[in-house]
């Protein structure tokens, strides 16, 4: 558990607050995988990110990814909601429903919130939601997946579920 906590903190430090990541991922193809690495005194951190959903518009970008953070033999999966918008939506929870199971609410007690004043004033929010081993196993075998961090809910299509299964099984 200590190694997992260290990994979570390092991922937050290494990859937090990167505006260009949101902008670049928003232009990527759905179900594409992006890999980033960073160095720490304890080793190399690798974050693989599967783009599950995006909403790109004139008022900003919202993206939802499934991420695997690894350092050595320690790995943790996250759903990540990354929003670059003109107004705050205060992302601190993510509801998930796998097949016909109950709705599970994942929490981020310290989401990233910052202001970008480069061209216009934008706000950047990132919520990272750790996924338990039990949920990972359910995702590996699911037929339907619905996620919600704001209205309306996001239904992941069959192609996305297939990509999730491949991502989790690699």
N, C-alpha and C. Protein backbone atom coordinates (compact mmCIF):
# COMPACT_ATOMS: atom_id res chain seq x y z
N UNK A 1 0.82 -1.20 0.00
CA UNK A 1 0.00 0.00 0.00
C UNK A 1 0.87 1.26 0.00
N UNK A 2 2.00 1.21 0.70
CA UNK A 2 2.89 2.36 0.75
C UNK A 2 3.42 2.69 -0.65
N UNK A 3 3.81 1.66 -1.41
CA UNK A 3 4.30 1.89 -2.78
C UNK A 3 3.22 2.49 -3.66
N UNK A 4 1.97 2.04 -3.46
CA UNK A 4 0.86 2.57 -4.24
C UNK A 4 0.63 4.04 -3.92
N UNK A 5 0.70 4.40 -2.65
CA UNK A 5 0.54 5.80 -2.24
C UNK A 5 1.64 6.66 -2.84
N UNK A 6 2.86 6.19 -2.81
CA UNK A 6 3.99 6.92 -3.41
C UNK A 6 3.74 7.11 -4.90
N UNK A 7 3.27 6.06 -5.59
CA UNK A 7 3.00 6.14 -7.03
C UNK A 7 1.93 7.18 -7.33
N UNK A 8 0.86 7.20 -6.56
CA UNK A 8 -0.21 8.17 -6.78
C UNK A 8 0.31 9.59 -6.62
N UNK A 9 1.09 9.85 -5.57
CA UNK A 9 1.65 11.19 -5.34
C UNK A 9 2.60 11.57 -6.46
N UNK A 10 3.44 10.66 -6.90
CA UNK A 10 4.40 10.96 -7.96
C UNK A 10 3.70 11.26 -9.28
N UNK A 11 2.66 10.51 -9.60
CA UNK A 11 1.92 10.78 -10.84
C UNK A 11 1.32 12.17 -10.79
N UNK A 12 0.76 12.54 -9.65
CA UNK A 12 0.17 13.87 -9.51
C UNK A 12 1.23 14.95 -9.68
N UNK A 13 2.39 14.76 -9.12
CA UNK A 13 3.46 15.76 -9.21
C UNK A 13 4.03 15.83 -10.62
N UNK A 14 4.28 14.68 -11.23
CA UNK A 14 4.93 14.65 -12.55
C UNK A 14 4.02 15.17 -13.66
N UNK A 15 2.73 14.84 -13.62
CA UNK A 15 1.86 15.14 -14.73
C UNK A 15 0.78 16.17 -14.45
N UNK A 16 0.77 16.76 -13.28
CA UNK A 16 -0.28 17.72 -12.91
C UNK A 16 -0.12 19.03 -13.65
N UNK A 17 -1.24 19.64 -13.94
CA UNK A 17 -1.25 21.01 -14.43
C UNK A 17 -0.73 21.22 -15.83
N UNK A 18 -0.80 20.23 -16.66
CA UNK A 18 -0.26 20.38 -18.01
C UNK A 18 -1.38 20.74 -18.98
N UNK A 19 -1.55 22.04 -19.26
CA UNK A 19 -2.63 22.52 -20.13
C UNK A 19 -2.52 21.91 -21.52
N UNK A 20 -1.31 21.83 -22.05
CA UNK A 20 -1.16 21.34 -23.41
C UNK A 20 -1.57 19.88 -23.53
N UNK A 21 -1.51 19.12 -22.44
CA UNK A 21 -1.95 17.73 -22.48
C UNK A 21 -3.43 17.67 -22.81
N UNK A 22 -4.25 18.49 -22.17
CA UNK A 22 -5.68 18.52 -22.46
C UNK A 22 -5.90 18.89 -23.92
N UNK A 23 -5.24 19.95 -24.37
CA UNK A 23 -5.44 20.41 -25.73
C UNK A 23 -4.99 19.37 -26.75
N UNK A 24 -3.88 18.69 -26.50
CA UNK A 24 -3.40 17.66 -27.41
C UNK A 24 -4.31 16.44 -27.42
N UNK A 25 -4.72 15.98 -26.24
CA UNK A 25 -5.58 14.81 -26.15
C UNK A 25 -6.96 15.09 -26.76
N UNK A 26 -7.45 16.31 -26.63
CA UNK A 26 -8.75 16.66 -27.19
C UNK A 26 -8.74 16.52 -28.72
N UNK A 27 -7.58 16.63 -29.34
CA UNK A 27 -7.48 16.51 -30.79
C UNK A 27 -7.14 15.09 -31.23
N UNK A 28 -6.91 14.18 -30.29
CA UNK A 28 -6.57 12.79 -30.60
C UNK A 28 -7.82 12.00 -30.96
N UNK A 29 -7.61 10.88 -31.61
CA UNK A 29 -8.71 9.99 -31.97
C UNK A 29 -9.21 9.24 -30.74
N UNK A 30 -10.52 9.03 -30.68
CA UNK A 30 -11.08 8.22 -29.60
C UNK A 30 -10.42 6.85 -29.57
N UNK A 31 -10.21 6.37 -28.38
CA UNK A 31 -9.63 5.05 -28.09
C UNK A 31 -8.15 4.96 -28.44
N UNK A 32 -7.52 6.11 -28.70
CA UNK A 32 -6.07 6.11 -28.90
C UNK A 32 -5.41 6.07 -27.52
N UNK A 33 -4.19 5.56 -27.50
CA UNK A 33 -3.43 5.45 -26.25
C UNK A 33 -2.22 6.36 -26.33
N UNK A 34 -2.04 7.15 -25.30
CA UNK A 34 -0.90 8.06 -25.17
C UNK A 34 -0.06 7.57 -24.00
N UNK A 35 1.25 7.60 -24.14
CA UNK A 35 2.14 7.18 -23.06
C UNK A 35 3.09 8.31 -22.72
N UNK A 36 3.20 8.59 -21.41
CA UNK A 36 4.14 9.59 -20.90
C UNK A 36 5.01 8.92 -19.85
N UNK A 37 6.25 9.36 -19.75
CA UNK A 37 7.14 8.86 -18.71
C UNK A 37 7.78 10.03 -17.99
N UNK A 38 8.13 9.80 -16.76
CA UNK A 38 8.81 10.80 -15.96
C UNK A 38 9.80 10.10 -15.04
N UNK A 39 10.82 10.82 -14.65
CA UNK A 39 11.86 10.25 -13.79
C UNK A 39 11.69 10.72 -12.36
N UNK A 40 11.94 9.83 -11.45
CA UNK A 40 11.93 10.11 -10.02
C UNK A 40 13.14 9.40 -9.43
N UNK A 41 13.56 9.81 -8.27
CA UNK A 41 14.71 9.18 -7.62
C UNK A 41 14.48 7.69 -7.42
N UNK A 42 13.21 7.29 -7.34
CA UNK A 42 12.88 5.87 -7.12
C UNK A 42 12.75 5.09 -8.42
N UNK A 43 12.74 5.77 -9.57
CA UNK A 43 12.62 5.06 -10.83
C UNK A 43 11.80 5.82 -11.85
N UNK A 44 11.41 5.11 -12.89
CA UNK A 44 10.64 5.68 -13.99
C UNK A 44 9.15 5.47 -13.75
N UNK A 45 8.40 6.53 -13.92
CA UNK A 45 6.95 6.47 -13.82
C UNK A 45 6.42 6.47 -15.25
N UNK A 46 5.55 5.52 -15.56
CA UNK A 46 4.93 5.45 -16.88
C UNK A 46 3.43 5.58 -16.72
N UNK A 47 2.83 6.46 -17.51
CA UNK A 47 1.38 6.63 -17.49
C UNK A 47 0.87 6.39 -18.91
N UNK A 48 0.06 5.33 -19.06
CA UNK A 48 -0.62 5.03 -20.31
C UNK A 48 -2.04 5.55 -20.18
N UNK A 49 -2.51 6.25 -21.20
CA UNK A 49 -3.81 6.91 -21.14
C UNK A 49 -4.65 6.56 -22.36
N UNK A 50 -5.82 5.94 -22.12
CA UNK A 50 -6.76 5.57 -23.17
C UNK A 50 -7.86 6.63 -23.23
N UNK A 51 -7.99 7.31 -24.36
CA UNK A 51 -9.01 8.35 -24.54
C UNK A 51 -10.38 7.70 -24.76
N UNK A 52 -11.29 7.84 -23.77
CA UNK A 52 -12.60 7.20 -23.83
C UNK A 52 -13.70 8.10 -24.39
N UNK A 53 -13.62 9.39 -24.11
CA UNK A 53 -14.69 10.31 -24.49
C UNK A 53 -14.12 11.71 -24.54
N UNK A 54 -14.67 12.53 -25.44
CA UNK A 54 -14.26 13.92 -25.49
C UNK A 54 -15.41 14.78 -25.98
N UNK A 55 -15.42 16.01 -25.50
CA UNK A 55 -16.37 17.03 -25.94
C UNK A 55 -15.52 18.27 -26.20
N UNK A 56 -15.31 18.57 -27.46
CA UNK A 56 -14.46 19.68 -27.86
C UNK A 56 -15.33 20.76 -28.47
N UNK A 57 -15.20 21.97 -27.98
CA UNK A 57 -16.02 23.06 -28.50
C UNK A 57 -15.34 24.40 -28.34
N UNK A 58 -16.03 25.44 -28.76
CA UNK A 58 -15.49 26.79 -28.68
C UNK A 58 -15.30 27.25 -27.24
N UNK A 59 -16.11 26.74 -26.34
CA UNK A 59 -16.01 27.18 -24.94
C UNK A 59 -15.06 26.31 -24.13
N UNK A 60 -14.43 25.32 -24.76
CA UNK A 60 -13.46 24.51 -24.04
C UNK A 60 -13.51 23.04 -24.40
N UNK A 61 -12.70 22.27 -23.68
CA UNK A 61 -12.57 20.83 -23.93
C UNK A 61 -12.85 20.07 -22.64
N UNK A 62 -13.56 18.97 -22.79
CA UNK A 62 -13.73 18.02 -21.69
C UNK A 62 -13.28 16.67 -22.23
N UNK A 63 -12.39 16.00 -21.51
CA UNK A 63 -11.95 14.68 -21.93
C UNK A 63 -12.01 13.72 -20.75
N UNK A 64 -12.26 12.47 -21.07
CA UNK A 64 -12.33 11.41 -20.08
C UNK A 64 -11.42 10.29 -20.54
N UNK A 65 -10.48 9.92 -19.68
CA UNK A 65 -9.52 8.87 -20.03
C UNK A 65 -9.51 7.79 -18.96
N UNK A 66 -9.03 6.64 -19.35
CA UNK A 66 -8.70 5.55 -18.43
C UNK A 66 -7.18 5.48 -18.43
N UNK A 67 -6.57 5.59 -17.25
CA UNK A 67 -5.12 5.64 -17.17
C UNK A 67 -4.56 4.54 -16.29
N UNK A 68 -3.38 4.08 -16.68
CA UNK A 68 -2.62 3.13 -15.88
C UNK A 68 -1.29 3.79 -15.54
N UNK A 69 -1.05 3.97 -14.25
CA UNK A 69 0.22 4.54 -13.79
C UNK A 69 1.05 3.39 -13.23
N UNK A 70 2.31 3.28 -13.68
CA UNK A 70 3.17 2.18 -13.26
C UNK A 70 4.55 2.69 -12.86
N UNK A 71 5.08 2.07 -11.83
CA UNK A 71 6.48 2.25 -11.44
C UNK A 71 6.97 0.89 -10.98
N UNK A 72 7.86 0.30 -11.78
CA UNK A 72 8.32 -1.05 -11.48
C UNK A 72 7.14 -2.01 -11.55
N UNK A 73 6.94 -2.78 -10.49
CA UNK A 73 5.86 -3.77 -10.47
C UNK A 73 4.58 -3.23 -9.86
N UNK A 74 4.55 -1.96 -9.47
CA UNK A 74 3.38 -1.36 -8.85
C UNK A 74 2.59 -0.59 -9.91
N UNK A 75 1.28 -0.88 -9.99
CA UNK A 75 0.42 -0.20 -10.95
C UNK A 75 -0.88 0.22 -10.28
N UNK A 76 -1.48 1.30 -10.79
CA UNK A 76 -2.78 1.75 -10.33
C UNK A 76 -3.54 2.29 -11.53
N UNK A 77 -4.84 1.99 -11.59
CA UNK A 77 -5.70 2.49 -12.66
C UNK A 77 -6.55 3.64 -12.14
N UNK A 78 -6.83 4.59 -13.04
CA UNK A 78 -7.64 5.76 -12.72
C UNK A 78 -8.55 6.08 -13.89
N UNK A 79 -9.73 6.61 -13.59
CA UNK A 79 -10.47 7.37 -14.57
C UNK A 79 -10.04 8.81 -14.34
N UNK A 80 -9.81 9.57 -15.41
CA UNK A 80 -9.40 10.96 -15.28
C UNK A 80 -10.33 11.83 -16.11
N UNK A 81 -10.90 12.83 -15.45
CA UNK A 81 -11.71 13.84 -16.11
C UNK A 81 -10.86 15.09 -16.19
N UNK A 82 -10.64 15.60 -17.39
CA UNK A 82 -9.76 16.75 -17.62
C UNK A 82 -10.56 17.79 -18.40
N UNK A 83 -10.84 18.93 -17.76
CA UNK A 83 -11.67 19.96 -18.37
C UNK A 83 -10.90 21.28 -18.47
N UNK A 84 -10.88 21.84 -19.65
CA UNK A 84 -10.32 23.17 -19.90
C UNK A 84 -11.49 23.99 -20.43
N UNK A 85 -12.07 24.83 -19.56
CA UNK A 85 -13.34 25.49 -19.85
C UNK A 85 -13.28 26.98 -19.52
N UNK A 86 -14.37 27.67 -19.83
CA UNK A 86 -14.48 29.08 -19.47
C UNK A 86 -15.11 29.27 -18.10
N UNK A 87 -15.67 28.20 -17.54
CA UNK A 87 -16.24 28.30 -16.19
C UNK A 87 -16.00 26.99 -15.44
N UNK A 88 -15.99 27.10 -14.14
CA UNK A 88 -15.78 25.94 -13.29
C UNK A 88 -16.98 25.01 -13.33
N UNK A 89 -16.72 23.69 -13.34
CA UNK A 89 -17.80 22.73 -13.15
C UNK A 89 -17.58 21.92 -11.87
N UNK A 90 -16.45 22.10 -11.23
CA UNK A 90 -16.14 21.50 -9.94
C UNK A 90 -16.26 19.97 -9.96
N UNK A 91 -15.37 19.36 -10.73
CA UNK A 91 -15.32 17.91 -10.85
C UNK A 91 -14.63 17.34 -9.60
N UNK A 92 -15.39 16.64 -8.77
CA UNK A 92 -14.78 15.98 -7.62
C UNK A 92 -15.33 14.57 -7.40
N UNK A 93 -16.29 14.17 -8.26
CA UNK A 93 -16.80 12.81 -8.17
C UNK A 93 -17.14 12.30 -9.58
N UNK A 94 -17.11 11.00 -9.70
CA UNK A 94 -17.43 10.33 -10.96
C UNK A 94 -18.30 9.13 -10.61
N UNK A 95 -19.48 9.07 -11.20
CA UNK A 95 -20.37 7.93 -11.00
C UNK A 95 -20.16 6.95 -12.16
N UNK A 96 -20.13 5.67 -11.82
CA UNK A 96 -19.99 4.64 -12.85
C UNK A 96 -21.04 3.57 -12.64
N UNK A 97 -21.53 3.05 -13.75
CA UNK A 97 -22.47 1.93 -13.72
C UNK A 97 -22.00 0.93 -14.76
N UNK A 98 -21.65 -0.26 -14.28
CA UNK A 98 -21.16 -1.33 -15.14
C UNK A 98 -22.28 -2.36 -15.27
N UNK A 99 -22.66 -2.64 -16.52
CA UNK A 99 -23.79 -3.53 -16.81
C UNK A 99 -25.01 -3.06 -16.01
N UNK A 100 -25.67 -3.94 -15.31
CA UNK A 100 -26.86 -3.55 -14.56
C UNK A 100 -26.58 -3.46 -13.06
N UNK A 101 -25.33 -3.24 -12.70
CA UNK A 101 -24.97 -3.16 -11.28
C UNK A 101 -25.41 -1.82 -10.69
N UNK A 102 -25.21 -1.71 -9.39
CA UNK A 102 -25.50 -0.44 -8.71
C UNK A 102 -24.54 0.63 -9.18
N UNK A 103 -24.93 1.87 -9.03
CA UNK A 103 -24.06 3.00 -9.35
C UNK A 103 -23.03 3.13 -8.24
N UNK A 104 -21.77 3.26 -8.64
CA UNK A 104 -20.67 3.47 -7.69
C UNK A 104 -20.15 4.88 -7.90
N UNK A 105 -19.93 5.61 -6.82
CA UNK A 105 -19.40 6.96 -6.91
C UNK A 105 -17.96 6.97 -6.44
N UNK A 106 -17.07 7.38 -7.33
CA UNK A 106 -15.65 7.52 -7.00
C UNK A 106 -15.39 8.99 -6.66
N UNK A 107 -14.52 9.24 -5.70
CA UNK A 107 -14.24 10.60 -5.23
C UNK A 107 -12.78 10.96 -5.46
N UNK A 108 -12.53 12.23 -5.73
CA UNK A 108 -11.19 12.81 -5.73
C UNK A 108 -11.24 13.92 -4.69
N UNK A 109 -10.56 13.72 -3.58
CA UNK A 109 -10.60 14.70 -2.49
C UNK A 109 -9.69 15.90 -2.72
N UNK A 110 -8.84 15.83 -3.74
CA UNK A 110 -7.98 16.97 -4.02
C UNK A 110 -7.79 17.15 -5.53
N UNK A 111 -8.88 17.47 -6.24
CA UNK A 111 -8.75 17.68 -7.69
C UNK A 111 -7.88 18.90 -7.98
N UNK A 112 -7.30 18.92 -9.15
CA UNK A 112 -6.47 20.05 -9.58
C UNK A 112 -7.40 21.11 -10.15
N UNK A 113 -7.23 22.33 -9.70
CA UNK A 113 -7.99 23.46 -10.25
C UNK A 113 -7.05 24.63 -10.40
N UNK A 114 -6.95 25.14 -11.63
CA UNK A 114 -6.06 26.28 -11.88
C UNK A 114 -6.64 27.16 -12.97
N UNK A 115 -6.12 28.36 -13.06
CA UNK A 115 -6.58 29.33 -14.04
C UNK A 115 -5.50 29.52 -15.10
N UNK A 116 -5.90 29.56 -16.36
CA UNK A 116 -5.00 29.77 -17.49
C UNK A 116 -5.35 31.13 -18.11
N UNK A 117 -4.40 32.03 -18.12
CA UNK A 117 -4.65 33.38 -18.65
C UNK A 117 -3.79 33.67 -19.89
N UNK A 118 -3.38 32.64 -20.63
CA UNK A 118 -2.50 32.85 -21.77
C UNK A 118 -3.15 33.71 -22.85
N UNK A 119 -4.28 33.32 -23.37
CA UNK A 119 -4.95 34.07 -24.43
C UNK A 119 -6.26 34.64 -23.91
N UNK A 120 -7.09 33.79 -23.45
CA UNK A 120 -8.35 34.12 -22.82
C UNK A 120 -8.25 33.59 -21.40
N UNK A 121 -9.24 33.83 -20.61
CA UNK A 121 -9.24 33.24 -19.28
C UNK A 121 -9.96 31.90 -19.35
N UNK A 122 -9.24 30.85 -19.05
CA UNK A 122 -9.81 29.51 -18.97
C UNK A 122 -9.52 28.95 -17.60
N UNK A 123 -10.35 28.01 -17.19
CA UNK A 123 -10.09 27.28 -15.96
C UNK A 123 -9.79 25.84 -16.34
N UNK A 124 -8.90 25.24 -15.60
CA UNK A 124 -8.47 23.88 -15.88
C UNK A 124 -8.74 23.04 -14.63
N UNK A 125 -9.51 21.98 -14.80
CA UNK A 125 -9.83 21.07 -13.70
C UNK A 125 -9.45 19.66 -14.10
N UNK A 126 -8.84 18.95 -13.16
CA UNK A 126 -8.51 17.55 -13.38
C UNK A 126 -8.94 16.77 -12.15
N UNK A 127 -9.81 15.79 -12.36
CA UNK A 127 -10.21 14.87 -11.30
C UNK A 127 -9.65 13.50 -11.62
N UNK A 128 -8.91 12.91 -10.67
CA UNK A 128 -8.35 11.56 -10.83
C UNK A 128 -9.09 10.64 -9.87
N UNK A 129 -9.66 9.58 -10.40
CA UNK A 129 -10.49 8.68 -9.62
C UNK A 129 -9.91 7.28 -9.63
N UNK A 130 -9.31 6.89 -8.52
CA UNK A 130 -8.67 5.57 -8.40
C UNK A 130 -9.73 4.48 -8.55
N UNK A 131 -9.35 3.43 -9.26
CA UNK A 131 -10.27 2.32 -9.53
C UNK A 131 -9.79 1.09 -8.75
N UNK A 132 -10.69 0.49 -8.02
CA UNK A 132 -10.36 -0.69 -7.22
C UNK A 132 -10.15 -1.90 -8.13
N UNK A 133 -9.48 -2.93 -7.58
CA UNK A 133 -9.29 -4.17 -8.32
C UNK A 133 -10.62 -4.82 -8.67
N UNK A 134 -11.60 -4.69 -7.80
CA UNK A 134 -12.93 -5.25 -8.05
C UNK A 134 -13.58 -4.60 -9.27
N UNK A 135 -13.47 -3.30 -9.37
CA UNK A 135 -14.04 -2.59 -10.53
C UNK A 135 -13.26 -2.94 -11.79
N UNK A 136 -11.94 -3.07 -11.69
CA UNK A 136 -11.13 -3.46 -12.85
C UNK A 136 -11.63 -4.80 -13.39
N UNK A 137 -11.86 -5.76 -12.52
CA UNK A 137 -12.35 -7.08 -12.95
C UNK A 137 -13.72 -6.96 -13.61
N UNK A 138 -14.59 -6.12 -13.07
CA UNK A 138 -15.90 -5.91 -13.69
C UNK A 138 -15.76 -5.29 -15.08
N UNK A 139 -14.85 -4.33 -15.22
CA UNK A 139 -14.63 -3.69 -16.52
C UNK A 139 -14.10 -4.67 -17.55
N UNK A 140 -13.27 -5.61 -17.12
CA UNK A 140 -12.71 -6.61 -18.04
C UNK A 140 -13.78 -7.51 -18.63
N UNK A 141 -14.93 -7.60 -17.96
CA UNK A 141 -15.99 -8.51 -18.40
C UNK A 141 -17.30 -7.80 -18.73
N UNK A 142 -17.29 -6.47 -18.79
CA UNK A 142 -18.56 -5.75 -18.93
C UNK A 142 -19.09 -5.75 -20.36
N UNK A 143 -20.40 -5.53 -20.45
CA UNK A 143 -21.07 -5.37 -21.73
C UNK A 143 -21.58 -3.94 -21.93
N UNK A 144 -21.73 -3.22 -20.80
CA UNK A 144 -22.16 -1.83 -20.89
C UNK A 144 -21.47 -1.02 -19.79
N UNK A 145 -21.25 0.25 -20.09
CA UNK A 145 -20.58 1.14 -19.14
C UNK A 145 -21.15 2.54 -19.31
N UNK A 146 -21.59 3.11 -18.19
CA UNK A 146 -22.08 4.48 -18.17
C UNK A 146 -21.29 5.24 -17.12
N UNK A 147 -20.80 6.42 -17.47
CA UNK A 147 -20.04 7.27 -16.56
C UNK A 147 -20.71 8.64 -16.50
N UNK A 148 -20.61 9.28 -15.34
CA UNK A 148 -21.19 10.62 -15.23
C UNK A 148 -20.41 11.46 -14.23
N UNK A 149 -19.94 12.64 -14.73
CA UNK A 149 -19.34 13.64 -13.85
C UNK A 149 -20.13 14.94 -13.88
N UNK A 150 -21.00 15.06 -14.86
CA UNK A 150 -21.97 16.15 -14.98
C UNK A 150 -23.10 15.63 -15.86
N UNK A 151 -24.08 16.45 -16.13
CA UNK A 151 -25.20 16.03 -16.97
C UNK A 151 -24.80 16.20 -18.43
N UNK A 152 -25.21 15.37 -19.34
CA UNK A 152 -25.86 14.09 -19.17
C UNK A 152 -24.83 12.98 -18.95
N UNK A 153 -25.29 11.77 -18.60
CA UNK A 153 -24.37 10.63 -18.46
C UNK A 153 -23.72 10.29 -19.81
N UNK A 154 -22.58 9.65 -19.73
CA UNK A 154 -21.83 9.24 -20.93
C UNK A 154 -21.92 7.73 -21.06
N UNK A 155 -22.51 7.26 -22.14
CA UNK A 155 -22.59 5.83 -22.42
C UNK A 155 -21.44 5.47 -23.36
N UNK A 156 -20.58 4.57 -22.91
CA UNK A 156 -19.45 4.15 -23.73
C UNK A 156 -19.96 3.09 -24.72
N UNK A 157 -19.74 3.30 -26.02
CA UNK A 157 -20.24 2.35 -27.02
C UNK A 157 -19.41 1.05 -27.03
N UNK A 158 -19.90 0.07 -27.78
CA UNK A 158 -19.24 -1.25 -27.86
C UNK A 158 -17.77 -1.13 -28.25
N UNK A 159 -17.45 -0.23 -29.18
CA UNK A 159 -16.07 -0.04 -29.61
C UNK A 159 -15.20 0.43 -28.44
N UNK A 160 -15.74 1.30 -27.60
CA UNK A 160 -15.01 1.78 -26.43
C UNK A 160 -14.82 0.70 -25.39
N UNK A 161 -15.83 -0.12 -25.19
CA UNK A 161 -15.72 -1.24 -24.22
C UNK A 161 -14.66 -2.22 -24.69
N UNK A 162 -14.62 -2.48 -25.99
CA UNK A 162 -13.60 -3.36 -26.55
C UNK A 162 -12.20 -2.77 -26.30
N UNK A 163 -12.05 -1.46 -26.49
CA UNK A 163 -10.76 -0.79 -26.25
C UNK A 163 -10.37 -0.85 -24.77
N UNK A 164 -11.36 -0.69 -23.88
CA UNK A 164 -11.10 -0.78 -22.44
C UNK A 164 -10.58 -2.17 -22.08
N UNK A 165 -11.24 -3.19 -22.57
CA UNK A 165 -10.83 -4.56 -22.28
C UNK A 165 -9.42 -4.84 -22.77
N UNK A 166 -9.11 -4.39 -23.98
CA UNK A 166 -7.76 -4.58 -24.52
C UNK A 166 -6.73 -3.83 -23.67
N UNK A 167 -7.05 -2.61 -23.27
CA UNK A 167 -6.16 -1.78 -22.46
C UNK A 167 -5.90 -2.44 -21.10
N UNK A 168 -6.93 -2.97 -20.47
CA UNK A 168 -6.79 -3.59 -19.15
C UNK A 168 -6.08 -4.93 -19.20
N UNK A 169 -6.15 -5.60 -20.34
CA UNK A 169 -5.56 -6.95 -20.46
C UNK A 169 -4.16 -6.94 -21.05
N UNK A 170 -3.61 -5.76 -21.32
CA UNK A 170 -2.25 -5.77 -21.91
C UNK A 170 -1.19 -5.73 -20.85
